[in-house]
Amino acid sequence: MKEPKEMKAVVFDMDGVMFDTEAVSVKAWDYAGEKLGLGKCGYMTVRLIGTGGNLKERIVREAFGGRYGWEDFRPYLKEFRKQYYQTHELPVKKGLYRLLDHLQAEGFRMAVASSTPQRGVESNLETAGVRKYFGAVVGGDMVENSKPAPDVFLKACELLGEEPKRCYVLEDSKYGLLAARDAGCRVCMVPDLWQPDEEVKAFVTGIFRDLDAFREYLIREAEAAV
C-alpha cells in the first residue's frame, strides 16, 4: 500500500522501540523475584510488554497464583532501575536519531504513545535529548483504557490533529500492535523481545529489523510516489 503523500505523522511506542529498556526490565524482574524469594522472574517482561493498569495486575496475579500482585514487585523494580541508571546511560535504539532527523526534514509530525506514565516518558525523552521532535506525548496515565485498547494512540492522533489513517505507528508488543490496528493507524512493527505471530503478520504494514530499516522504507515509498 503506497500512500506516502497521505501519511502525515509517526507515533512511537517508547520501551523497546525508542529505547532498549526491555532488556533492563528483564534484569529488574530477576532482581525483584529474588528479593521476594521467587527466584529470577525476568520472563515476566515478555508477558507484560505493552500492558498497563488492570491488565498488568491481572497478568501478574495469574502468573503467581494470586499470591503476588504488581504492587508487590513494583518497589523492587523501581529500586533496581534507580540503581542501574545511576551508573548506566539510557540505551537508545539503533537508528533513532537518524529516523527523527529524517522525519523532521520530511515534514512528518511526531508523537510518543506509551503505557508508561507520562512523567516517565517525558523524563526519558529529555534524557535522550529528543523531546524537541515530538508535538505530543501521551502516557498510559492519560487515558482510561490501557493497550490493547486503542485509547493511547487515538489520544496521540487527536493531539497531533491528524486522522489515525494518516499516522504510522511504530510498536514492538502484541498489545501495542493490536491497539494501533484498532485505532485505525498504519501499523509497523520493530521487534524487540517479542517476535511476531501469524495474527500480527496478517495486519501489519511491515516488520522492520530496526529503525534504520523503517527510515529506508519511507525513502523508498517517497521515491516510488514521484
N, C-alpha and C. Protein backbone atom coordinates (compact mmCIF):
# COMPACT_ATOMS: atom_id res chain seq x y z
N MET A 1 0.85 -1.18 0.00
CA MET A 1 0.00 0.00 0.00
C MET A 1 0.90 1.24 0.00
N LYS A 2 0.86 2.01 -1.06
CA LYS A 2 1.78 3.13 -1.19
C LYS A 2 1.02 4.45 -1.22
N GLU A 3 1.01 5.12 -0.07
CA GLU A 3 0.33 6.40 0.03
C GLU A 3 1.18 7.39 0.82
N PRO A 4 2.47 7.52 0.51
CA PRO A 4 3.34 8.36 1.34
C PRO A 4 2.89 9.80 1.44
N LYS A 5 2.26 10.33 0.38
CA LYS A 5 1.84 11.73 0.42
C LYS A 5 0.68 11.93 1.38
N GLU A 6 -0.05 10.85 1.67
CA GLU A 6 -1.17 10.95 2.59
C GLU A 6 -0.75 10.70 4.03
N MET A 7 0.42 10.13 4.23
CA MET A 7 0.88 9.85 5.57
C MET A 7 1.50 11.11 6.17
N LYS A 8 0.97 11.54 7.29
CA LYS A 8 1.33 12.84 7.85
C LYS A 8 2.11 12.75 9.16
N ALA A 9 2.03 11.61 9.85
CA ALA A 9 2.59 11.56 11.19
C ALA A 9 3.13 10.18 11.51
N VAL A 10 4.00 10.13 12.52
CA VAL A 10 4.51 8.88 13.05
C VAL A 10 4.37 8.92 14.57
N VAL A 11 3.74 7.89 15.10
CA VAL A 11 3.56 7.77 16.55
C VAL A 11 4.44 6.62 17.04
N PHE A 12 5.31 6.92 17.98
CA PHE A 12 6.25 5.95 18.52
C PHE A 12 5.76 5.37 19.84
N ASP A 13 5.82 4.07 19.97
CA ASP A 13 5.86 3.48 21.30
C ASP A 13 7.25 3.80 21.86
N MET A 14 7.42 3.73 23.18
CA MET A 14 8.72 4.10 23.74
C MET A 14 9.59 2.88 24.08
N ASP A 15 9.18 2.11 25.08
CA ASP A 15 10.02 1.00 25.54
C ASP A 15 10.11 -0.10 24.48
N GLY A 16 11.33 -0.44 24.12
CA GLY A 16 11.56 -1.48 23.13
C GLY A 16 11.60 -0.98 21.71
N VAL A 17 11.12 0.25 21.47
CA VAL A 17 11.14 0.85 20.13
C VAL A 17 12.16 1.98 20.07
N MET A 18 12.03 2.94 20.97
CA MET A 18 12.96 4.06 21.01
C MET A 18 14.17 3.77 21.90
N PHE A 19 13.90 3.06 23.00
CA PHE A 19 14.95 2.78 23.97
C PHE A 19 14.99 1.29 24.29
N ASP A 20 16.19 0.78 24.52
CA ASP A 20 16.37 -0.64 24.79
C ASP A 20 16.14 -0.92 26.27
N THR A 21 15.00 -0.49 26.76
CA THR A 21 14.70 -0.60 28.18
C THR A 21 14.10 -1.95 28.57
N GLU A 22 13.64 -2.72 27.61
CA GLU A 22 13.07 -4.01 27.95
C GLU A 22 14.14 -4.99 28.41
N ALA A 23 15.36 -4.85 27.88
CA ALA A 23 16.46 -5.68 28.35
C ALA A 23 16.78 -5.36 29.81
N VAL A 24 16.68 -4.08 30.17
CA VAL A 24 16.88 -3.67 31.57
C VAL A 24 15.74 -4.21 32.44
N SER A 25 14.54 -4.23 31.87
CA SER A 25 13.38 -4.74 32.61
C SER A 25 13.56 -6.20 32.99
N VAL A 26 14.16 -6.98 32.12
CA VAL A 26 14.42 -8.40 32.44
C VAL A 26 15.28 -8.48 33.70
N LYS A 27 16.33 -7.68 33.76
CA LYS A 27 17.22 -7.68 34.93
C LYS A 27 16.48 -7.21 36.17
N ALA A 28 15.60 -6.22 35.99
CA ALA A 28 14.85 -5.70 37.13
C ALA A 28 13.89 -6.75 37.70
N TRP A 29 13.24 -7.48 36.82
CA TRP A 29 12.34 -8.53 37.28
C TRP A 29 13.10 -9.69 37.93
N ASP A 30 14.27 -10.00 37.42
CA ASP A 30 15.11 -11.01 38.09
C ASP A 30 15.42 -10.57 39.52
N TYR A 31 15.79 -9.31 39.66
CA TYR A 31 16.13 -8.74 40.96
C TYR A 31 14.92 -8.78 41.90
N ALA A 32 13.78 -8.33 41.41
CA ALA A 32 12.57 -8.29 42.23
C ALA A 32 12.15 -9.69 42.66
N GLY A 33 12.22 -10.63 41.72
CA GLY A 33 11.84 -12.00 42.05
C GLY A 33 12.71 -12.59 43.14
N GLU A 34 14.00 -12.33 43.06
CA GLU A 34 14.92 -12.84 44.07
C GLU A 34 14.67 -12.18 45.42
N LYS A 35 14.35 -10.89 45.42
CA LYS A 35 14.04 -10.19 46.67
C LYS A 35 12.80 -10.77 47.35
N LEU A 36 11.85 -11.25 46.54
CA LEU A 36 10.62 -11.82 47.09
C LEU A 36 10.75 -13.32 47.35
N GLY A 37 11.94 -13.87 47.08
CA GLY A 37 12.16 -15.29 47.31
C GLY A 37 11.57 -16.19 46.25
N LEU A 38 11.34 -15.64 45.07
CA LEU A 38 10.72 -16.40 43.98
C LEU A 38 11.71 -16.83 42.92
N GLY A 39 12.96 -16.43 43.07
CA GLY A 39 13.95 -16.70 42.02
C GLY A 39 13.83 -15.67 40.91
N LYS A 40 14.60 -15.83 39.88
CA LYS A 40 14.61 -14.88 38.76
C LYS A 40 13.26 -14.90 38.04
N CYS A 41 12.70 -13.71 37.85
CA CYS A 41 11.39 -13.59 37.20
C CYS A 41 11.46 -12.73 35.94
N GLY A 42 12.62 -12.68 35.31
CA GLY A 42 12.78 -11.87 34.11
C GLY A 42 11.84 -12.23 32.98
N TYR A 43 11.36 -13.46 32.99
CA TYR A 43 10.41 -13.91 31.96
C TYR A 43 9.12 -13.10 31.96
N MET A 44 8.83 -12.42 33.07
CA MET A 44 7.61 -11.63 33.15
C MET A 44 7.66 -10.43 32.21
N THR A 45 8.84 -10.00 31.84
CA THR A 45 8.95 -8.84 30.95
C THR A 45 8.21 -9.08 29.65
N VAL A 46 8.43 -10.24 29.03
CA VAL A 46 7.77 -10.54 27.75
C VAL A 46 6.26 -10.61 27.93
N ARG A 47 5.81 -11.17 29.03
CA ARG A 47 4.37 -11.28 29.28
C ARG A 47 3.70 -9.92 29.45
N LEU A 48 4.48 -8.96 29.94
CA LEU A 48 3.89 -7.67 30.30
C LEU A 48 4.17 -6.56 29.30
N ILE A 49 4.92 -6.84 28.23
CA ILE A 49 5.26 -5.80 27.27
C ILE A 49 3.99 -5.14 26.73
N GLY A 50 3.95 -3.84 26.84
CA GLY A 50 2.83 -3.08 26.28
C GLY A 50 1.60 -2.99 27.17
N THR A 51 1.67 -3.56 28.37
CA THR A 51 0.49 -3.56 29.24
C THR A 51 0.52 -2.41 30.23
N GLY A 52 -0.60 -2.21 30.89
CA GLY A 52 -0.70 -1.21 31.94
C GLY A 52 -1.96 -1.46 32.74
N GLY A 53 -2.08 -0.76 33.85
CA GLY A 53 -3.32 -0.78 34.63
C GLY A 53 -3.78 -2.16 35.05
N ASN A 54 -5.07 -2.39 34.90
CA ASN A 54 -5.70 -3.62 35.37
C ASN A 54 -5.18 -4.85 34.65
N LEU A 55 -4.83 -4.71 33.39
CA LEU A 55 -4.33 -5.86 32.64
C LEU A 55 -3.00 -6.33 33.22
N LYS A 56 -2.12 -5.39 33.53
CA LYS A 56 -0.83 -5.74 34.14
C LYS A 56 -1.04 -6.47 35.46
N GLU A 57 -1.93 -5.94 36.28
CA GLU A 57 -2.21 -6.57 37.57
C GLU A 57 -2.74 -7.99 37.39
N ARG A 58 -3.64 -8.16 36.43
CA ARG A 58 -4.23 -9.48 36.22
C ARG A 58 -3.19 -10.49 35.77
N ILE A 59 -2.31 -10.08 34.87
CA ILE A 59 -1.28 -11.00 34.36
C ILE A 59 -0.33 -11.41 35.48
N VAL A 60 0.07 -10.45 36.32
CA VAL A 60 0.98 -10.77 37.43
C VAL A 60 0.31 -11.71 38.41
N ARG A 61 -0.93 -11.42 38.76
CA ARG A 61 -1.64 -12.29 39.72
C ARG A 61 -1.80 -13.70 39.19
N GLU A 62 -2.13 -13.82 37.90
CA GLU A 62 -2.29 -15.14 37.31
C GLU A 62 -0.97 -15.90 37.28
N ALA A 63 0.12 -15.19 37.02
CA ALA A 63 1.43 -15.83 36.93
C ALA A 63 1.88 -16.41 38.26
N PHE A 64 1.44 -15.79 39.37
CA PHE A 64 1.89 -16.22 40.69
C PHE A 64 0.75 -16.76 41.55
N GLY A 65 -0.23 -17.32 40.86
CA GLY A 65 -1.32 -18.00 41.55
C GLY A 65 -2.09 -17.14 42.53
N GLY A 66 -2.11 -15.81 42.26
CA GLY A 66 -2.85 -14.90 43.12
C GLY A 66 -2.12 -14.52 44.39
N ARG A 67 -0.94 -15.07 44.61
CA ARG A 67 -0.20 -14.79 45.85
C ARG A 67 0.51 -13.44 45.81
N TYR A 68 0.85 -12.98 44.61
CA TYR A 68 1.56 -11.72 44.45
C TYR A 68 0.91 -10.90 43.35
N GLY A 69 0.92 -9.58 43.53
CA GLY A 69 0.40 -8.67 42.52
C GLY A 69 1.47 -7.69 42.10
N TRP A 70 1.11 -6.80 41.19
CA TRP A 70 2.05 -5.80 40.67
C TRP A 70 2.68 -4.97 41.78
N GLU A 71 1.89 -4.59 42.76
CA GLU A 71 2.40 -3.72 43.83
C GLU A 71 3.44 -4.42 44.70
N ASP A 72 3.44 -5.75 44.72
CA ASP A 72 4.47 -6.47 45.47
C ASP A 72 5.83 -6.35 44.79
N PHE A 73 5.83 -6.35 43.48
CA PHE A 73 7.08 -6.28 42.72
C PHE A 73 7.55 -4.85 42.50
N ARG A 74 6.61 -3.94 42.42
CA ARG A 74 6.92 -2.57 41.99
C ARG A 74 8.05 -1.90 42.76
N PRO A 75 8.09 -1.96 44.11
CA PRO A 75 9.18 -1.27 44.82
C PRO A 75 10.56 -1.79 44.44
N TYR A 76 10.68 -3.09 44.23
CA TYR A 76 11.98 -3.67 43.88
C TYR A 76 12.36 -3.36 42.43
N LEU A 77 11.37 -3.33 41.56
CA LEU A 77 11.64 -2.95 40.17
C LEU A 77 12.14 -1.51 40.12
N LYS A 78 11.48 -0.63 40.87
CA LYS A 78 11.87 0.78 40.93
C LYS A 78 13.26 0.93 41.53
N GLU A 79 13.53 0.18 42.57
CA GLU A 79 14.84 0.23 43.24
C GLU A 79 15.95 -0.19 42.29
N PHE A 80 15.73 -1.28 41.56
CA PHE A 80 16.76 -1.75 40.63
C PHE A 80 17.02 -0.72 39.53
N ARG A 81 15.95 -0.20 38.94
CA ARG A 81 16.12 0.76 37.84
C ARG A 81 16.84 2.02 38.31
N LYS A 82 16.50 2.48 39.50
CA LYS A 82 17.15 3.68 40.04
C LYS A 82 18.65 3.45 40.18
N GLN A 83 19.02 2.29 40.73
CA GLN A 83 20.43 1.97 40.90
C GLN A 83 21.12 1.78 39.55
N TYR A 84 20.42 1.13 38.62
CA TYR A 84 21.00 0.83 37.31
C TYR A 84 21.34 2.12 36.56
N TYR A 85 20.40 3.05 36.53
CA TYR A 85 20.60 4.26 35.74
C TYR A 85 21.49 5.30 36.42
N GLN A 86 21.89 5.00 37.64
CA GLN A 86 22.91 5.84 38.27
C GLN A 86 24.29 5.60 37.66
N THR A 87 24.47 4.42 37.08
CA THR A 87 25.77 4.06 36.52
C THR A 87 25.71 3.70 35.03
N HIS A 88 24.52 3.72 34.44
CA HIS A 88 24.36 3.38 33.03
C HIS A 88 23.55 4.48 32.32
N GLU A 89 23.88 4.73 31.07
CA GLU A 89 23.11 5.67 30.27
C GLU A 89 21.83 5.01 29.75
N LEU A 90 20.84 5.83 29.46
CA LEU A 90 19.62 5.31 28.85
C LEU A 90 19.97 4.71 27.49
N PRO A 91 19.70 3.43 27.25
CA PRO A 91 20.11 2.79 26.00
C PRO A 91 19.19 3.16 24.83
N VAL A 92 19.71 3.93 23.90
CA VAL A 92 18.94 4.40 22.75
C VAL A 92 19.02 3.37 21.62
N LYS A 93 17.89 3.10 21.01
CA LYS A 93 17.84 2.11 19.94
C LYS A 93 18.57 2.60 18.68
N LYS A 94 19.20 1.68 18.01
CA LYS A 94 19.93 1.97 16.78
C LYS A 94 19.03 2.66 15.76
N GLY A 95 19.51 3.77 15.23
CA GLY A 95 18.81 4.47 14.17
C GLY A 95 17.80 5.51 14.63
N LEU A 96 17.61 5.66 15.95
CA LEU A 96 16.58 6.58 16.42
C LEU A 96 16.85 8.01 15.98
N TYR A 97 18.06 8.50 16.22
CA TYR A 97 18.36 9.89 15.88
C TYR A 97 18.27 10.13 14.37
N ARG A 98 18.74 9.18 13.58
CA ARG A 98 18.66 9.32 12.11
C ARG A 98 17.21 9.36 11.65
N LEU A 99 16.38 8.52 12.24
CA LEU A 99 14.96 8.49 11.85
C LEU A 99 14.27 9.79 12.24
N LEU A 100 14.51 10.28 13.44
CA LEU A 100 13.87 11.52 13.87
C LEU A 100 14.28 12.70 12.99
N ASP A 101 15.55 12.78 12.64
CA ASP A 101 16.00 13.85 11.75
C ASP A 101 15.35 13.75 10.38
N HIS A 102 15.23 12.51 9.88
CA HIS A 102 14.60 12.31 8.56
C HIS A 102 13.13 12.71 8.59
N LEU A 103 12.42 12.28 9.61
CA LEU A 103 11.00 12.61 9.72
C LEU A 103 10.79 14.11 9.82
N GLN A 104 11.62 14.77 10.60
CA GLN A 104 11.51 16.22 10.73
C GLN A 104 11.77 16.91 9.40
N ALA A 105 12.78 16.45 8.67
CA ALA A 105 13.13 17.05 7.38
C ALA A 105 12.02 16.84 6.36
N GLU A 106 11.30 15.73 6.47
CA GLU A 106 10.23 15.41 5.52
C GLU A 106 8.88 15.97 5.93
N GLY A 107 8.82 16.64 7.05
CA GLY A 107 7.59 17.30 7.46
C GLY A 107 6.59 16.44 8.20
N PHE A 108 7.02 15.28 8.69
CA PHE A 108 6.13 14.44 9.49
C PHE A 108 5.96 15.03 10.88
N ARG A 109 4.77 14.96 11.40
CA ARG A 109 4.54 15.29 12.80
C ARG A 109 4.78 14.02 13.61
N MET A 110 5.22 14.18 14.86
CA MET A 110 5.60 13.02 15.65
C MET A 110 5.01 13.08 17.05
N ALA A 111 4.70 11.89 17.57
CA ALA A 111 4.19 11.77 18.94
C ALA A 111 4.76 10.49 19.55
N VAL A 112 4.70 10.44 20.87
CA VAL A 112 5.00 9.22 21.62
C VAL A 112 3.73 8.79 22.32
N ALA A 113 3.42 7.49 22.26
CA ALA A 113 2.24 6.94 22.94
C ALA A 113 2.69 5.68 23.66
N SER A 114 2.75 5.74 24.98
CA SER A 114 3.34 4.66 25.77
C SER A 114 2.42 4.27 26.92
N SER A 115 2.56 3.02 27.37
CA SER A 115 1.84 2.58 28.56
C SER A 115 2.48 3.12 29.83
N THR A 116 3.73 3.57 29.73
CA THR A 116 4.43 4.17 30.86
C THR A 116 3.76 5.50 31.24
N PRO A 117 3.66 5.82 32.53
CA PRO A 117 3.10 7.12 32.92
C PRO A 117 3.83 8.27 32.24
N GLN A 118 3.09 9.35 31.96
CA GLN A 118 3.63 10.44 31.18
C GLN A 118 4.92 11.02 31.77
N ARG A 119 4.98 11.12 33.07
CA ARG A 119 6.18 11.69 33.71
C ARG A 119 7.42 10.90 33.35
N GLY A 120 7.31 9.58 33.34
CA GLY A 120 8.45 8.73 32.99
C GLY A 120 8.82 8.85 31.53
N VAL A 121 7.81 8.98 30.67
CA VAL A 121 8.07 9.16 29.24
C VAL A 121 8.82 10.47 29.00
N GLU A 122 8.30 11.54 29.57
CA GLU A 122 8.93 12.85 29.40
C GLU A 122 10.38 12.83 29.90
N SER A 123 10.61 12.18 31.02
CA SER A 123 11.96 12.10 31.59
C SER A 123 12.92 11.41 30.64
N ASN A 124 12.48 10.30 30.06
CA ASN A 124 13.35 9.57 29.13
C ASN A 124 13.63 10.37 27.87
N LEU A 125 12.61 11.05 27.36
CA LEU A 125 12.80 11.86 26.15
C LEU A 125 13.79 12.99 26.40
N GLU A 126 13.70 13.62 27.56
CA GLU A 126 14.62 14.69 27.90
C GLU A 126 16.04 14.14 28.08
N THR A 127 16.16 13.01 28.73
CA THR A 127 17.48 12.40 28.95
C THR A 127 18.17 12.09 27.64
N ALA A 128 17.40 11.60 26.67
CA ALA A 128 17.96 11.22 25.36
C ALA A 128 18.11 12.42 24.43
N GLY A 129 17.61 13.59 24.84
CA GLY A 129 17.72 14.79 24.02
C GLY A 129 16.82 14.81 22.80
N VAL A 130 15.66 14.14 22.89
CA VAL A 130 14.78 14.05 21.72
C VAL A 130 13.40 14.65 21.94
N ARG A 131 13.17 15.25 23.10
CA ARG A 131 11.83 15.79 23.38
C ARG A 131 11.39 16.81 22.33
N LYS A 132 12.32 17.56 21.79
CA LYS A 132 12.02 18.64 20.85
C LYS A 132 11.34 18.15 19.57
N TYR A 133 11.47 16.88 19.25
CA TYR A 133 10.92 16.35 18.00
C TYR A 133 9.41 16.10 18.10
N PHE A 134 8.87 16.01 19.30
CA PHE A 134 7.52 15.48 19.47
C PHE A 134 6.50 16.55 19.81
N GLY A 135 5.44 16.57 18.99
CA GLY A 135 4.36 17.52 19.21
C GLY A 135 3.38 17.05 20.25
N ALA A 136 3.44 15.77 20.61
CA ALA A 136 2.55 15.24 21.63
C ALA A 136 3.23 14.07 22.33
N VAL A 137 3.00 13.97 23.62
CA VAL A 137 3.50 12.85 24.42
C VAL A 137 2.34 12.35 25.27
N VAL A 138 1.96 11.10 25.07
CA VAL A 138 0.83 10.52 25.77
C VAL A 138 1.32 9.34 26.61
N GLY A 139 1.10 9.42 27.91
CA GLY A 139 1.43 8.32 28.81
C GLY A 139 0.20 7.50 29.14
N GLY A 140 0.43 6.32 29.68
CA GLY A 140 -0.68 5.43 30.00
C GLY A 140 -1.63 5.98 31.04
N ASP A 141 -1.14 6.92 31.86
CA ASP A 141 -1.99 7.51 32.89
C ASP A 141 -2.87 8.63 32.36
N MET A 142 -2.79 8.91 31.06
CA MET A 142 -3.59 9.98 30.46
C MET A 142 -4.86 9.46 29.79
N VAL A 143 -5.03 8.15 29.74
CA VAL A 143 -6.20 7.57 29.07
C VAL A 143 -6.90 6.61 30.01
N GLU A 144 -8.15 6.33 29.70
CA GLU A 144 -8.95 5.47 30.58
C GLU A 144 -8.54 4.02 30.46
N ASN A 145 -8.28 3.56 29.23
CA ASN A 145 -8.00 2.15 29.00
C ASN A 145 -6.61 1.96 28.42
N SER A 146 -5.86 1.01 28.97
CA SER A 146 -4.51 0.72 28.51
C SER A 146 -4.55 -0.16 27.26
N LYS A 147 -3.43 -0.25 26.56
CA LYS A 147 -3.30 -1.20 25.46
C LYS A 147 -3.66 -2.59 25.99
N PRO A 148 -4.40 -3.41 25.24
CA PRO A 148 -4.64 -3.34 23.79
C PRO A 148 -5.81 -2.46 23.36
N ALA A 149 -6.43 -1.72 24.27
CA ALA A 149 -7.42 -0.72 23.85
C ALA A 149 -6.69 0.36 23.04
N PRO A 150 -7.36 0.97 22.09
CA PRO A 150 -6.70 1.94 21.20
C PRO A 150 -6.55 3.34 21.77
N ASP A 151 -6.98 3.55 23.01
CA ASP A 151 -7.09 4.91 23.57
C ASP A 151 -5.83 5.75 23.44
N VAL A 152 -4.68 5.16 23.77
CA VAL A 152 -3.44 5.94 23.82
C VAL A 152 -3.05 6.45 22.43
N PHE A 153 -3.32 5.65 21.39
CA PHE A 153 -3.00 6.08 20.03
C PHE A 153 -4.02 7.08 19.50
N LEU A 154 -5.28 6.87 19.84
CA LEU A 154 -6.30 7.84 19.45
C LEU A 154 -6.02 9.20 20.07
N LYS A 155 -5.57 9.19 21.33
CA LYS A 155 -5.24 10.45 22.01
C LYS A 155 -4.06 11.13 21.34
N ALA A 156 -3.04 10.35 20.96
CA ALA A 156 -1.87 10.92 20.30
C ALA A 156 -2.26 11.55 18.96
N CYS A 157 -3.07 10.87 18.19
CA CYS A 157 -3.52 11.42 16.90
C CYS A 157 -4.34 12.69 17.11
N GLU A 158 -5.20 12.67 18.12
CA GLU A 158 -6.02 13.85 18.43
C GLU A 158 -5.13 15.05 18.76
N LEU A 159 -4.12 14.84 19.59
CA LEU A 159 -3.24 15.94 19.99
C LEU A 159 -2.40 16.45 18.83
N LEU A 160 -2.07 15.56 17.90
CA LEU A 160 -1.34 15.98 16.70
C LEU A 160 -2.26 16.66 15.68
N GLY A 161 -3.56 16.45 15.83
CA GLY A 161 -4.51 16.99 14.86
C GLY A 161 -4.51 16.24 13.55
N GLU A 162 -4.23 14.92 13.63
CA GLU A 162 -4.17 14.10 12.43
C GLU A 162 -5.15 12.93 12.52
N GLU A 163 -5.68 12.51 11.39
CA GLU A 163 -6.53 11.32 11.34
C GLU A 163 -5.67 10.08 11.56
N PRO A 164 -6.14 9.11 12.31
CA PRO A 164 -5.36 7.89 12.53
C PRO A 164 -4.88 7.21 11.25
N LYS A 165 -5.71 7.23 10.21
CA LYS A 165 -5.33 6.55 8.98
C LYS A 165 -4.13 7.21 8.30
N ARG A 166 -3.79 8.42 8.71
CA ARG A 166 -2.64 9.11 8.15
C ARG A 166 -1.42 9.05 9.07
N CYS A 167 -1.50 8.19 10.08
CA CYS A 167 -0.41 8.08 11.04
C CYS A 167 0.18 6.67 11.04
N TYR A 168 1.49 6.60 10.87
CA TYR A 168 2.20 5.35 11.13
C TYR A 168 2.33 5.19 12.64
N VAL A 169 2.27 3.95 13.10
CA VAL A 169 2.61 3.64 14.49
C VAL A 169 3.76 2.64 14.48
N LEU A 170 4.78 2.92 15.29
CA LEU A 170 5.91 2.01 15.46
C LEU A 170 5.76 1.32 16.81
N GLU A 171 5.63 0.01 16.79
CA GLU A 171 5.38 -0.77 18.00
C GLU A 171 6.20 -2.06 18.00
N ASP A 172 6.39 -2.62 19.21
CA ASP A 172 7.11 -3.89 19.32
C ASP A 172 6.30 -4.96 20.04
N SER A 173 5.24 -4.58 20.75
CA SER A 173 4.49 -5.56 21.54
C SER A 173 3.18 -5.93 20.85
N LYS A 174 2.70 -7.13 21.17
CA LYS A 174 1.43 -7.55 20.56
C LYS A 174 0.29 -6.65 21.03
N TYR A 175 0.25 -6.34 22.33
CA TYR A 175 -0.82 -5.48 22.82
C TYR A 175 -0.79 -4.11 22.14
N GLY A 176 0.39 -3.59 21.94
CA GLY A 176 0.51 -2.29 21.27
C GLY A 176 0.13 -2.35 19.82
N LEU A 177 0.51 -3.42 19.15
CA LEU A 177 0.17 -3.59 17.73
C LEU A 177 -1.34 -3.71 17.54
N LEU A 178 -1.99 -4.47 18.41
CA LEU A 178 -3.45 -4.59 18.34
C LEU A 178 -4.12 -3.26 18.62
N ALA A 179 -3.59 -2.51 19.57
CA ALA A 179 -4.16 -1.20 19.89
C ALA A 179 -4.05 -0.25 18.71
N ALA A 180 -2.88 -0.25 18.06
CA ALA A 180 -2.68 0.63 16.90
C ALA A 180 -3.60 0.24 15.75
N ARG A 181 -3.77 -1.06 15.55
CA ARG A 181 -4.68 -1.53 14.49
C ARG A 181 -6.10 -1.05 14.76
N ASP A 182 -6.55 -1.21 16.00
CA ASP A 182 -7.92 -0.85 16.34
C ASP A 182 -8.13 0.66 16.36
N ALA A 183 -7.05 1.41 16.48
CA ALA A 183 -7.14 2.87 16.38
C ALA A 183 -7.29 3.32 14.94
N GLY A 184 -7.00 2.42 13.98
CA GLY A 184 -7.10 2.76 12.57
C GLY A 184 -5.83 3.33 11.98
N CYS A 185 -4.71 3.14 12.69
CA CYS A 185 -3.43 3.65 12.22
C CYS A 185 -2.76 2.65 11.28
N ARG A 186 -1.71 3.09 10.60
CA ARG A 186 -0.87 2.21 9.78
C ARG A 186 0.17 1.59 10.69
N VAL A 187 0.09 0.29 10.91
CA VAL A 187 0.86 -0.38 11.95
C VAL A 187 2.17 -0.95 11.41
N CYS A 188 3.27 -0.57 12.02
CA CYS A 188 4.60 -1.05 11.65
C CYS A 188 5.28 -1.64 12.88
N MET A 189 5.84 -2.83 12.73
CA MET A 189 6.47 -3.49 13.86
C MET A 189 7.98 -3.43 13.76
N VAL A 190 8.61 -3.10 14.89
CA VAL A 190 10.05 -3.17 15.03
C VAL A 190 10.29 -4.13 16.20
N PRO A 191 10.50 -5.42 15.95
CA PRO A 191 10.55 -6.41 17.03
C PRO A 191 11.69 -6.15 18.01
N ASP A 192 11.41 -6.49 19.27
CA ASP A 192 12.42 -6.44 20.32
C ASP A 192 12.46 -7.81 20.99
N LEU A 193 11.93 -7.97 22.18
CA LEU A 193 11.95 -9.27 22.84
C LEU A 193 10.89 -10.21 22.28
N TRP A 194 9.72 -9.66 21.94
CA TRP A 194 8.63 -10.49 21.43
C TRP A 194 8.68 -10.52 19.90
N GLN A 195 8.55 -11.72 19.35
CA GLN A 195 8.58 -11.89 17.91
C GLN A 195 7.17 -12.06 17.35
N PRO A 196 6.90 -11.55 16.16
CA PRO A 196 5.53 -11.53 15.63
C PRO A 196 4.95 -12.92 15.40
N ASP A 197 3.67 -13.07 15.71
CA ASP A 197 2.97 -14.31 15.41
C ASP A 197 2.15 -14.13 14.14
N GLU A 198 1.41 -15.16 13.76
CA GLU A 198 0.68 -15.12 12.49
C GLU A 198 -0.43 -14.07 12.52
N GLU A 199 -1.04 -13.86 13.66
CA GLU A 199 -2.10 -12.85 13.75
C GLU A 199 -1.55 -11.47 13.42
N VAL A 200 -0.41 -11.14 13.98
CA VAL A 200 0.21 -9.83 13.75
C VAL A 200 0.69 -9.70 12.31
N LYS A 201 1.31 -10.74 11.79
CA LYS A 201 1.82 -10.70 10.42
C LYS A 201 0.71 -10.42 9.41
N ALA A 202 -0.51 -10.78 9.77
CA ALA A 202 -1.63 -10.62 8.83
C ALA A 202 -2.08 -9.18 8.67
N PHE A 203 -1.77 -8.30 9.63
CA PHE A 203 -2.30 -6.94 9.51
C PHE A 203 -1.25 -5.83 9.51
N VAL A 204 -0.01 -6.13 9.85
CA VAL A 204 0.97 -5.03 9.87
C VAL A 204 1.38 -4.63 8.46
N THR A 205 1.73 -3.36 8.31
CA THR A 205 2.25 -2.85 7.04
C THR A 205 3.61 -3.44 6.75
N GLY A 206 4.42 -3.60 7.78
CA GLY A 206 5.74 -4.16 7.61
C GLY A 206 6.36 -4.52 8.94
N ILE A 207 7.34 -5.44 8.90
CA ILE A 207 8.12 -5.81 10.07
C ILE A 207 9.56 -5.41 9.76
N PHE A 208 10.11 -4.50 10.56
CA PHE A 208 11.40 -3.89 10.26
C PHE A 208 12.43 -4.28 11.30
N ARG A 209 13.61 -4.63 10.83
CA ARG A 209 14.65 -5.14 11.74
C ARG A 209 15.07 -4.10 12.76
N ASP A 210 15.01 -2.81 12.38
CA ASP A 210 15.37 -1.72 13.28
C ASP A 210 14.82 -0.42 12.71
N LEU A 211 15.10 0.68 13.39
CA LEU A 211 14.57 1.97 12.97
C LEU A 211 15.21 2.47 11.67
N ASP A 212 16.43 2.07 11.41
CA ASP A 212 17.05 2.41 10.13
C ASP A 212 16.28 1.77 8.97
N ALA A 213 15.83 0.55 9.18
CA ALA A 213 15.08 -0.14 8.13
C ALA A 213 13.75 0.56 7.85
N PHE A 214 13.11 1.06 8.89
CA PHE A 214 11.86 1.81 8.68
C PHE A 214 12.14 3.11 7.92
N ARG A 215 13.21 3.79 8.26
CA ARG A 215 13.59 5.02 7.55
C ARG A 215 13.84 4.72 6.07
N GLU A 216 14.53 3.62 5.79
CA GLU A 216 14.79 3.23 4.40
C GLU A 216 13.49 2.92 3.66
N TYR A 217 12.53 2.33 4.37
CA TYR A 217 11.22 2.05 3.79
C TYR A 217 10.52 3.36 3.39
N LEU A 218 10.57 4.35 4.26
CA LEU A 218 9.94 5.64 3.95
C LEU A 218 10.58 6.29 2.73
N ILE A 219 11.89 6.18 2.65
CA ILE A 219 12.59 6.75 1.48
C ILE A 219 12.16 6.05 0.20
N ARG A 220 12.06 4.74 0.22
CA ARG A 220 11.60 4.00 -0.97
C ARG A 220 10.19 4.36 -1.34
N GLU A 221 9.32 4.48 -0.35
CA GLU A 221 7.93 4.84 -0.61
C GLU A 221 7.83 6.22 -1.26
N ALA A 222 8.62 7.15 -0.76
CA ALA A 222 8.60 8.52 -1.31
C ALA A 222 9.12 8.52 -2.73
N GLU A 223 10.16 7.77 -3.01
CA GLU A 223 10.73 7.71 -4.36
C GLU A 223 9.75 7.06 -5.33
N ALA A 224 9.03 6.04 -4.86
CA ALA A 224 8.08 5.34 -5.73
C ALA A 224 6.88 6.22 -6.07
N ALA A 225 6.60 7.20 -5.23
CA ALA A 225 5.44 8.06 -5.44
C ALA A 225 5.73 9.21 -6.40
N VAL A 226 6.99 9.44 -6.69
CA VAL A 226 7.35 10.57 -7.56
C VAL A 226 6.99 10.25 -9.01
